[in-house]
Amino acid sequence: MDISEEQARWSAMTSRLVDAGWAEELNAALQLEARNLSVISPFLKQKAIRRVLSHTPQSVRVITRFNLADFAEGVSDIAAIRSLLIAGARVRGIRNLHAKVYVFGSRRTIVTSANLTEAALTRNHEFGLVSDDAEIISASTRYFDALWSRAGTDLTARQLDEWEQTVTMHLASGGPRFRLETLADYGTDATGVLYSGAPTIPAPIPQAEQAFVKFLGEGSNRVPLSFSTRDEIDSALCHWALAYPATKRPQAVKEGAVMFIGRLTYDPKPDIRIFGRATGMRHVPGRDDASADEIAQRPWKNTWSRYIRVHHAEFVAGTMANGVSLNALMNALGPDAFTSTQRNQARGEGNTNPYKAYRQLAAVELSREGQLWLSEQLQRALEVHGSVPQGELNKLGWPKLHENLIATLA
């Protein structure tokens, strides 16, 4: 064997340690070999799955987690798994799965800390090995096959539909974390094959495609800055639903929108203090109408009977004074605070004064700049003042799964 042949032999058997650029590594590997793809990833997100499926891979097998709590907490997507099934992939589940391994036929393997999520591929600090070495590829394949053989049967679309209904019902009831343990884990116990210990579930990232400030109270019903945030939560039950007027359904809110929760205040001057945030669900007629029992318990819901249900709510502890001033947001950003004023400024017509943009409205949509500014300020308030303990929220009123709610989820 001459020198050039030896160099070619070694270049074809490279192994590299990688700490960035995982999206590019994934794309390069799929371009190299997409006919036989094997994936082990505890968490799957839709955007990353679309990235994989854009290469039209064949003979795809995926091992992931089937813990419904993961889907309820937003760290993994049912929609991502559905996309895989539609594309013809076979998917199986393992309990307490932590390994992340990607095998591209006999051409390449990736062993990494990165889940198949867009955050892991593009933003998180992840570390791992990319190898074209035949022995490493073979070892990765043996590990995958051993786990696959112990992972039970292939997931069906019908099973996934049932899981989605269960998770949606959990989220529609406010997504309380103390009920997570009631959500089943349908993964197979494959003890002895994989690493021990399950990953910690991180809190959802409070950035989204869409964000609103929802107002609690009216101009004639303001509270002082000394008013307790906990008392407001107990009164409004805003930890699981935000009430809108009965005269108009809130159709503008999309699934997954960030809902910042603000209370009309006075002292020394009128303001709105944002004291919490949650993840919103799109309004569904019937499911998201106040029940007769809910109206009887709080008669004001007769006028404010339409819901945007929310889950994973968090609130600043203490009083409204610890929240974030909407006036401060508008003073800082001007027309860039809200979607409507920013759009009007760009086209050169219409109202561009943020102070006039939300009058007579139950909520106002934030621009991307407004969402970022408010997210940062509210996070700082939570760090300084602390949050209302989950144990306290657990003691407050939570919705019953009344007939309307159950019917829309059946």
Protein backbone atom coordinates (compact mmCIF):
# COMPACT_ATOMS: atom_id res chain seq x y z
CA MET A 1 0.00 0.00 0.00
CA ASP A 2 1.51 3.36 -1.03
CA ILE A 3 1.36 6.57 1.05
CA SER A 4 -1.61 8.04 -0.85
CA GLU A 5 -3.67 4.88 -0.29
CA GLU A 6 -2.78 4.87 3.40
CA GLN A 7 -3.82 8.51 3.75
CA ALA A 8 -7.11 7.81 2.01
CA ARG A 9 -7.71 4.84 4.29
CA TRP A 10 -7.27 6.92 7.43
CA SER A 11 -9.25 9.89 6.10
CA ALA A 12 -12.16 7.50 5.49
CA MET A 13 -12.04 6.37 9.13
CA THR A 14 -12.13 9.71 10.93
CA SER A 15 -13.58 10.42 14.33
CA ARG A 16 -14.05 13.97 15.50
CA LEU A 17 -15.08 15.53 18.79
CA VAL A 18 -17.71 18.20 18.15
CA ASP A 19 -19.02 20.92 20.45
CA ALA A 20 -21.00 23.12 18.04
CA GLY A 21 -22.74 23.10 14.66
CA TRP A 22 -24.89 20.04 15.29
CA ALA A 23 -27.51 21.05 12.73
CA GLU A 24 -24.82 21.11 10.05
CA GLU A 25 -23.45 17.76 11.25
CA LEU A 26 -26.91 16.21 11.02
CA ASN A 27 -27.53 17.61 7.55
CA ALA A 28 -24.12 16.44 6.31
CA ALA A 29 -24.68 12.93 7.64
CA LEU A 30 -28.13 12.71 6.03
CA GLN A 31 -26.68 13.86 2.72
CA LEU A 32 -24.08 11.11 3.06
CA GLU A 33 -26.59 8.38 3.92
CA ALA A 34 -30.36 8.68 4.31
CA ARG A 35 -31.46 5.21 3.27
CA ASN A 36 -31.11 3.55 6.66
CA LEU A 37 -31.46 5.88 9.64
CA SER A 38 -31.55 4.76 13.28
CA VAL A 39 -32.13 7.35 16.03
CA ILE A 40 -32.08 7.20 19.81
CA SER A 41 -33.30 10.48 21.29
CA PRO A 42 -35.29 10.91 24.52
CA PHE A 43 -36.91 14.14 23.33
CA LEU A 44 -38.20 14.98 19.84
CA LYS A 45 -39.41 18.37 18.62
CA GLN A 46 -41.30 19.11 15.44
CA LYS A 47 -38.88 21.57 13.84
CA ALA A 48 -35.94 19.18 14.18
CA ILE A 49 -38.00 16.30 12.80
CA ARG A 50 -38.90 18.41 9.77
CA ARG A 51 -35.19 19.00 9.27
CA VAL A 52 -34.60 15.24 9.16
CA LEU A 53 -37.61 14.46 6.97
CA SER A 54 -36.59 17.12 4.43
CA HIS A 55 -33.91 14.64 3.33
CA THR A 56 -36.64 12.02 2.66
CA PRO A 57 -34.88 9.29 4.64
CA GLN A 58 -35.89 5.66 4.12
CA SER A 59 -36.14 2.82 6.62
CA VAL A 60 -36.26 5.09 9.66
CA ARG A 61 -36.33 3.63 13.17
CA VAL A 62 -36.60 5.86 16.24
CA ILE A 63 -36.32 5.01 19.93
CA THR A 64 -37.60 7.73 22.26
CA ARG A 65 -39.52 8.22 25.50
CA PHE A 66 -43.27 7.57 25.78
CA ASN A 67 -43.76 9.42 29.07
CA LEU A 68 -46.84 11.61 28.68
CA ALA A 69 -45.42 14.02 31.26
CA ASP A 70 -42.71 14.93 28.73
CA PHE A 71 -45.36 15.98 26.21
CA ALA A 72 -47.35 17.84 28.84
CA GLU A 73 -44.23 19.75 29.91
CA GLY A 74 -43.40 20.64 26.31
CA VAL A 75 -39.95 19.05 26.19
CA SER A 76 -41.10 16.59 23.53
CA ASP A 77 -43.79 16.89 20.83
CA ILE A 78 -46.59 14.51 19.98
CA ALA A 79 -46.72 16.35 16.64
CA ALA A 80 -43.11 15.37 15.97
CA ILE A 81 -43.88 11.69 16.51
CA ARG A 82 -46.97 11.99 14.33
CA SER A 83 -44.84 13.41 11.51
CA LEU A 84 -42.53 10.42 11.80
CA LEU A 85 -45.42 7.94 11.60
CA ILE A 86 -46.89 9.74 8.58
CA ALA A 87 -43.48 9.51 6.89
CA GLY A 88 -43.45 5.74 7.47
CA ALA A 89 -40.99 5.64 10.35
CA ARG A 90 -41.18 3.00 13.05
CA VAL A 91 -41.14 4.39 16.60
CA ARG A 92 -40.68 2.56 19.91
CA GLY A 93 -40.40 3.78 23.49
CA ILE A 94 -38.03 3.14 26.40
CA ARG A 95 -38.51 4.34 29.96
CA ASN A 96 -35.84 6.59 31.49
CA LEU A 97 -34.07 6.87 28.16
CA HIS A 98 -31.06 9.17 28.27
CA ALA A 99 -28.73 8.07 25.43
CA LYS A 100 -28.57 10.03 22.15
CA VAL A 101 -27.23 8.04 19.21
CA TYR A 102 -27.69 8.59 15.45
CA VAL A 103 -26.62 5.89 13.01
CA PHE A 104 -26.61 6.63 9.28
CA GLY A 105 -26.46 3.17 7.74
CA SER A 106 -22.88 1.95 7.57
CA ARG A 107 -21.48 5.38 6.68
CA ARG A 108 -21.52 7.46 9.87
CA THR A 109 -22.58 7.60 13.51
CA ILE A 110 -23.10 10.44 15.94
CA VAL A 111 -22.95 9.88 19.70
CA THR A 112 -23.83 13.11 21.45
CA SER A 113 -25.54 14.90 24.29
CA ALA A 114 -27.93 16.53 21.79
CA ASN A 115 -31.56 15.47 21.58
CA LEU A 116 -33.36 15.74 18.27
CA THR A 117 -34.66 19.22 19.07
CA GLU A 118 -33.93 22.52 17.39
CA ALA A 119 -32.59 23.96 20.65
CA ALA A 120 -30.06 21.14 20.95
CA LEU A 121 -29.06 21.37 17.29
CA THR A 122 -28.66 25.14 17.10
CA ARG A 123 -28.46 26.80 20.53
CA ASN A 124 -27.53 24.54 23.43
CA HIS A 125 -23.98 23.66 24.46
CA GLU A 126 -23.79 20.02 23.36
CA PHE A 127 -20.77 17.74 23.04
CA GLY A 128 -20.19 14.46 21.24
CA LEU A 129 -18.45 12.32 18.68
CA VAL A 130 -18.93 12.14 14.92
CA SER A 131 -17.31 9.09 13.37
CA ASP A 132 -16.93 7.29 10.06
CA ASP A 133 -14.91 4.54 11.74
CA ALA A 134 -16.40 1.13 10.86
CA GLU A 135 -15.86 -0.29 14.34
CA ILE A 136 -17.54 2.67 16.06
CA ILE A 137 -20.44 2.55 13.60
CA SER A 138 -20.79 -1.19 14.20
CA ALA A 139 -20.78 -0.73 17.98
CA SER A 140 -23.42 1.99 17.73
CA THR A 141 -25.55 -0.24 15.52
CA ARG A 142 -25.29 -3.14 17.98
CA TYR A 143 -26.34 -0.87 20.83
CA PHE A 144 -29.32 0.41 18.85
CA ASP A 145 -30.41 -3.07 17.77
CA ALA A 146 -30.17 -4.43 21.32
CA LEU A 147 -32.30 -1.57 22.63
CA TRP A 148 -34.76 -1.86 19.72
CA SER A 149 -35.31 -5.57 20.39
CA ARG A 150 -36.29 -4.78 23.98
CA ALA A 151 -38.41 -1.72 23.21
CA GLY A 152 -41.73 -3.50 22.73
CA THR A 153 -43.92 -3.02 19.68
CA ASP A 154 -44.17 -0.21 17.15
CA LEU A 155 -46.29 2.80 18.10
CA THR A 156 -49.56 3.19 16.19
CA ALA A 157 -51.41 6.33 15.13
CA ARG A 158 -54.39 5.25 17.23
CA GLN A 159 -52.26 5.06 20.36
CA LEU A 160 -50.83 8.49 19.60
CA ASP A 161 -54.36 9.93 19.23
CA GLU A 162 -55.27 8.61 22.68
CA TRP A 163 -52.13 10.10 24.20
CA GLU A 164 -52.86 13.44 22.60
CA GLN A 165 -56.35 13.51 24.09
CA THR A 166 -54.96 12.71 27.54
CA VAL A 167 -52.28 15.40 27.34
CA THR A 168 -54.71 17.98 25.95
CA MET A 169 -57.14 17.28 28.79
CA HIS A 170 -54.32 17.74 31.31
CA LEU A 171 -53.28 21.07 29.75
CA ALA A 172 -56.89 22.25 29.43
CA SER A 173 -57.26 21.79 33.19
CA GLY A 174 -54.32 24.14 33.77
CA GLY A 175 -51.46 21.67 33.42
CA PRO A 176 -50.83 21.47 37.20
CA ARG A 177 -47.47 19.89 37.93
CA PHE A 178 -48.80 18.04 40.95
CA ARG A 179 -50.92 15.99 38.54
CA LEU A 180 -48.00 15.03 36.29
CA GLU A 181 -47.54 11.80 38.20
CA THR A 182 -51.00 10.73 37.03
CA LEU A 183 -49.82 10.79 33.40
CA ALA A 184 -48.68 7.36 32.31
CA ASP A 185 -45.30 6.31 30.91
CA TYR A 186 -45.91 3.88 28.05
CA GLY A 187 -42.24 3.17 27.44
CA THR A 188 -40.84 -0.33 27.90
CA ASP A 189 -38.62 -1.05 30.87
CA ALA A 190 -35.30 -2.08 29.31
CA THR A 191 -33.20 -2.04 32.46
CA GLY A 192 -29.71 -3.36 31.86
CA VAL A 193 -29.31 -1.96 28.36
CA LEU A 194 -29.13 1.77 28.92
CA TYR A 195 -27.65 4.23 31.36
CA SER A 196 -29.47 4.69 34.68
CA GLY A 197 -31.24 7.87 35.65
CA ALA A 198 -33.70 10.07 33.80
CA PRO A 199 -32.93 13.59 32.67
CA THR A 200 -34.40 16.52 34.54
CA ILE A 201 -37.28 18.12 32.73
CA PRO A 202 -36.53 21.79 32.13
CA ALA A 203 -39.15 24.50 32.38
CA PRO A 204 -40.71 25.60 29.11
CA ILE A 205 -38.93 28.52 27.46
CA PRO A 206 -41.23 31.57 27.73
CA GLN A 207 -40.60 32.72 24.14
CA ALA A 208 -43.05 31.92 21.40
CA GLU A 209 -44.29 32.88 17.96
CA GLN A 210 -47.00 34.97 19.59
CA ALA A 211 -47.40 36.79 22.92
CA PHE A 212 -50.12 38.86 24.60
CA VAL A 213 -50.61 40.89 27.74
CA LYS A 214 -54.00 39.86 29.18
CA PHE A 215 -55.59 42.48 31.43
CA LEU A 216 -57.37 41.59 34.67
CA GLY A 217 -59.75 44.15 36.12
CA GLU A 218 -61.40 47.20 34.55
CA GLY A 219 -60.82 50.93 34.63
CA SER A 220 -63.31 51.22 37.51
CA ASN A 221 -61.84 48.21 39.30
CA ARG A 222 -58.16 48.80 39.96
CA VAL A 223 -56.12 47.57 42.91
CA PRO A 224 -53.29 49.28 44.82
CA LEU A 225 -49.69 48.23 44.27
CA SER A 226 -49.82 46.73 47.77
CA PHE A 227 -52.38 44.16 46.61
CA SER A 228 -51.19 40.55 46.98
CA THR A 229 -50.49 38.68 43.74
CA ARG A 230 -51.57 35.47 45.45
CA ASP A 231 -54.97 36.99 46.30
CA GLU A 232 -55.41 38.07 42.67
CA ILE A 233 -54.65 34.53 41.46
CA ASP A 234 -57.18 33.12 43.93
CA SER A 235 -59.82 35.59 42.81
CA ALA A 236 -59.29 35.39 39.05
CA LEU A 237 -58.15 31.73 38.86
CA CYS A 238 -55.70 32.94 36.25
CA HIS A 239 -53.41 29.97 36.92
CA TRP A 240 -55.57 27.85 34.61
CA ALA A 241 -57.75 30.23 32.55
CA LEU A 242 -57.90 33.85 31.44
CA ALA A 243 -61.43 35.20 31.12
CA TYR A 244 -62.61 37.19 28.08
CA PRO A 245 -65.95 38.96 27.52
CA ALA A 246 -68.96 36.81 26.69
CA THR A 247 -69.71 39.07 23.71
CA LYS A 248 -66.67 38.05 21.67
CA ARG A 249 -64.68 34.85 21.43
CA PRO A 250 -60.88 35.28 21.67
CA GLN A 251 -59.92 33.79 18.31
CA ALA A 252 -56.62 35.65 17.88
CA VAL A 253 -54.66 33.53 20.38
CA LYS A 254 -52.83 30.62 18.81
CA GLU A 255 -51.80 27.39 20.49
CA GLY A 256 -48.65 27.89 22.55
CA ALA A 257 -48.82 31.69 22.78
CA VAL A 258 -47.14 33.27 25.79
CA MET A 259 -49.79 34.96 27.91
CA PHE A 260 -48.41 37.66 30.19
CA ILE A 261 -50.90 38.33 32.98
CA GLY A 262 -51.39 41.93 34.12
CA ARG A 263 -53.61 43.62 36.70
CA LEU A 264 -55.00 47.15 36.39
CA THR A 265 -53.56 49.18 39.28
CA TYR A 266 -53.43 52.69 40.72
CA ASP A 267 -51.11 54.33 43.29
CA PRO A 268 -49.68 56.72 42.39
CA LYS A 269 -51.10 56.69 38.85
CA PRO A 270 -53.00 54.24 36.65
CA ASP A 271 -50.86 51.40 35.33
CA ILE A 272 -50.97 47.71 34.51
CA ARG A 273 -48.59 45.48 36.45
CA ILE A 274 -47.58 42.23 34.76
CA PHE A 275 -47.18 39.73 37.58
CA GLY A 276 -47.27 36.37 35.79
CA ARG A 277 -47.03 34.43 32.56
CA ALA A 278 -48.34 31.14 31.22
CA THR A 279 -48.65 29.13 28.02
CA GLY A 280 -51.96 29.65 26.25
CA MET A 281 -54.20 27.25 24.34
CA ARG A 282 -56.32 28.26 21.36
CA HIS A 283 -59.97 28.93 22.20
CA VAL A 284 -62.32 26.01 21.51
CA PRO A 285 -66.05 26.82 21.74
CA GLY A 286 -67.78 24.64 24.30
CA ARG A 287 -64.64 23.47 26.00
CA ASP A 288 -63.61 27.02 26.79
CA ASP A 289 -66.92 28.43 27.99
CA ALA A 290 -67.53 28.90 31.71
CA SER A 291 -69.72 26.15 33.10
CA ALA A 292 -72.87 26.84 35.13
CA ASP A 293 -71.06 25.75 38.31
CA GLU A 294 -68.13 28.09 37.59
CA ILE A 295 -70.50 31.02 37.02
CA ALA A 296 -72.40 30.18 40.23
CA GLN A 297 -69.14 30.24 42.20
CA ARG A 298 -67.99 33.50 40.59
CA PRO A 299 -70.94 35.46 39.16
CA TRP A 300 -68.63 37.84 37.28
CA LYS A 301 -67.97 34.95 34.89
CA ASN A 302 -71.46 35.42 33.49
CA THR A 303 -70.07 38.53 31.78
CA TRP A 304 -66.55 37.13 31.32
CA SER A 305 -67.43 33.61 30.23
CA ARG A 306 -64.99 32.92 27.38
CA TYR A 307 -61.66 31.31 28.28
CA ILE A 308 -58.18 31.15 26.99
CA ARG A 309 -56.99 28.17 29.00
CA VAL A 310 -53.40 28.32 30.20
CA HIS A 311 -50.90 25.96 31.73
CA HIS A 312 -47.46 26.12 33.34
CA ALA A 313 -48.31 29.45 34.92
CA GLU A 314 -45.79 31.22 37.15
CA PHE A 315 -46.31 34.35 39.20
CA VAL A 316 -44.16 36.90 41.01
CA ALA A 317 -44.46 36.52 44.78
CA GLY A 318 -45.49 39.38 47.06
CA THR A 319 -47.49 42.32 45.77
CA MET A 320 -48.30 44.00 42.48
CA ALA A 321 -45.46 46.42 43.16
CA ASN A 322 -43.09 43.53 42.38
CA GLY A 323 -44.53 43.08 38.89
CA VAL A 324 -43.45 44.80 35.68
CA SER A 325 -45.00 48.10 34.65
CA LEU A 326 -46.73 48.18 31.27
CA ASN A 327 -46.10 51.93 31.26
CA ALA A 328 -42.37 51.21 31.51
CA LEU A 329 -42.62 48.85 28.53
CA MET A 330 -44.40 51.46 26.42
CA ASN A 331 -42.02 54.23 27.45
CA ALA A 332 -39.01 52.05 26.59
CA LEU A 333 -40.17 50.81 23.18
CA GLY A 334 -42.77 53.29 21.98
CA PRO A 335 -44.53 52.03 18.81
CA ASP A 336 -42.34 48.90 18.86
CA ALA A 337 -44.09 47.67 22.02
CA PHE A 338 -47.14 46.18 20.30
CA THR A 339 -47.82 44.42 17.01
CA SER A 340 -50.47 46.92 15.88
CA THR A 341 -48.48 50.11 16.55
CA GLN A 342 -45.32 48.65 15.06
CA ARG A 343 -47.22 47.67 11.91
CA ASN A 344 -48.86 51.09 11.64
CA GLN A 345 -45.52 52.85 12.01
CA ALA A 346 -44.01 50.68 9.26
CA ARG A 347 -46.80 51.53 6.79
CA GLY A 348 -46.99 55.19 7.80
CA GLU A 349 -50.65 55.35 8.79
CA GLY A 350 -52.90 54.52 11.71
CA ASN A 351 -52.31 54.82 15.44
CA THR A 352 -48.70 54.51 16.60
CA ASN A 353 -49.25 55.59 20.22
CA PRO A 354 -49.03 52.46 22.41
CA TYR A 355 -51.06 54.16 25.15
CA LYS A 356 -54.03 54.27 22.76
CA ALA A 357 -53.52 50.79 21.31
CA TYR A 358 -55.05 48.71 24.10
CA ARG A 359 -57.99 50.86 25.23
CA GLN A 360 -61.25 48.93 25.55
CA LEU A 361 -59.42 45.67 24.82
CA ALA A 362 -59.17 42.55 26.99
CA ALA A 363 -55.61 41.91 25.79
CA VAL A 364 -52.94 43.39 23.54
CA GLU A 365 -50.57 41.50 21.27
CA LEU A 366 -46.88 42.17 21.83
CA SER A 367 -44.31 42.67 19.10
CA ARG A 368 -41.24 40.44 19.13
CA GLU A 369 -39.34 43.30 20.75
CA GLY A 370 -42.09 43.74 23.32
CA GLN A 371 -42.12 40.05 24.14
CA LEU A 372 -38.35 39.97 24.60
CA TRP A 373 -38.31 43.10 26.77
CA LEU A 374 -41.14 41.86 28.97
CA SER A 375 -39.69 38.35 29.25
CA GLU A 376 -36.39 39.72 30.48
CA GLN A 377 -37.98 42.14 32.95
CA LEU A 378 -40.39 39.55 34.34
CA GLN A 379 -37.61 36.99 34.69
CA ARG A 380 -35.60 39.54 36.65
CA ALA A 381 -38.62 40.19 38.90
CA LEU A 382 -39.01 36.45 39.53
CA GLU A 383 -35.34 36.15 40.42
CA VAL A 384 -35.42 39.14 42.78
CA HIS A 385 -38.77 38.57 44.50
CA GLY A 386 -39.25 34.84 44.01
CA SER A 387 -42.31 33.11 42.60
CA VAL A 388 -45.55 32.02 44.23
CA PRO A 389 -44.71 28.48 45.42
CA GLN A 390 -46.22 25.64 43.47
CA GLY A 391 -47.58 24.29 46.75
CA GLU A 392 -49.63 27.47 47.15
CA LEU A 393 -50.97 27.23 43.60
CA ASN A 394 -51.92 23.60 44.23
CA LYS A 395 -54.26 24.76 47.02
CA LEU A 396 -56.21 27.09 44.74
CA GLY A 397 -59.24 26.18 42.68
CA TRP A 398 -58.63 23.96 39.67
CA PRO A 399 -61.24 23.22 37.00
CA LYS A 400 -63.38 20.14 37.04
CA LEU A 401 -63.56 18.22 33.78
CA HIS A 402 -67.15 19.23 33.08
CA GLU A 403 -69.26 17.81 30.25
CA ASN A 404 -68.29 20.52 27.72
CA LEU A 405 -64.59 19.93 28.32
CA ILE A 406 -64.83 16.16 28.09
CA ALA A 407 -67.05 16.30 24.97
CA THR A 408 -64.58 18.43 23.01
CA LEU A 409 -61.73 16.06 23.87
CA ALA A 410 -63.59 12.82 23.11
